[in-house]
Amino acid sequence: MIGVLAIIAVLAVIIVPKVFSTIASARLTSAVSSVGAMKSSVVEFAGKYGTLPVTVATSRLDDLLLKDGLIDGRFAIKIGTPQAIPAIAGGTWARNNGVWAATGGASQATQTRLICLASTTGVPSAAGGANYRLDGVAGNNLPVGARVVSAVLIGVTATDARELSFRIDGDAYTETTTATADDRGKVVYAAPNAAGTTNVYIYVVHQ
């Protein structure tokens, strides 16, 4: 009996970490796929209406895509801070005189979501999704005033943030440690906080 228990204990030590590692990897793979699906829907929306509306604190671009029937549900992933239950209502989108705008709603700042902002020249890790240096070169910002769509991932662990960067941007634009901010490529984020988490912004498309 002792021998059997010892064997089980050894197997548990070997297998359990691999199981958790596989689950974590699957969640990251799913997140990357979800961002890709959002890009297709955003491009389709822009082709249909000609432009993308800017979001504010209370509005989400994925709510607009949902309203237009381009996606089946809000943008959500299985890493970072879980979505609030019940969902926090965002602004209600309506089109008047050819212009989309959202009114009402509560702040979405704590929620993983899709946003669209007018681009700036701010440092990407601090720009909140308003700028990216896609070629990794400091100063090579997006055109000022362009509409840039980002997937915002809230409360992501430093390890997952770096792994997302590696999977989307490759080794060249990925930080060597999990302790520093990432300003290069399509995945950007500030240095992790004391709890070891950060908000990740993933470039989707700009117009």
Foldseek 3Di string as FASTA:
>chain_A
DVVVVVVVVVVCVVVVVVVVVVVLVVLLVVLVVLLQLVLVLVVVVCVVLVDDDFDDQQDASQVVSVVVVSDVDFRAGDFFDHADVVHFHGFDWDADPSDIDGDDTDGCVQDFGKGKHFADLDQQQPPQQRWAQAAFDRPNIDPGRKIWMKTKGHWGALVSLQVSCCVQVNPVQGDPDSQAWGRHRQWTHHGADPVRTTMIIGTSDID
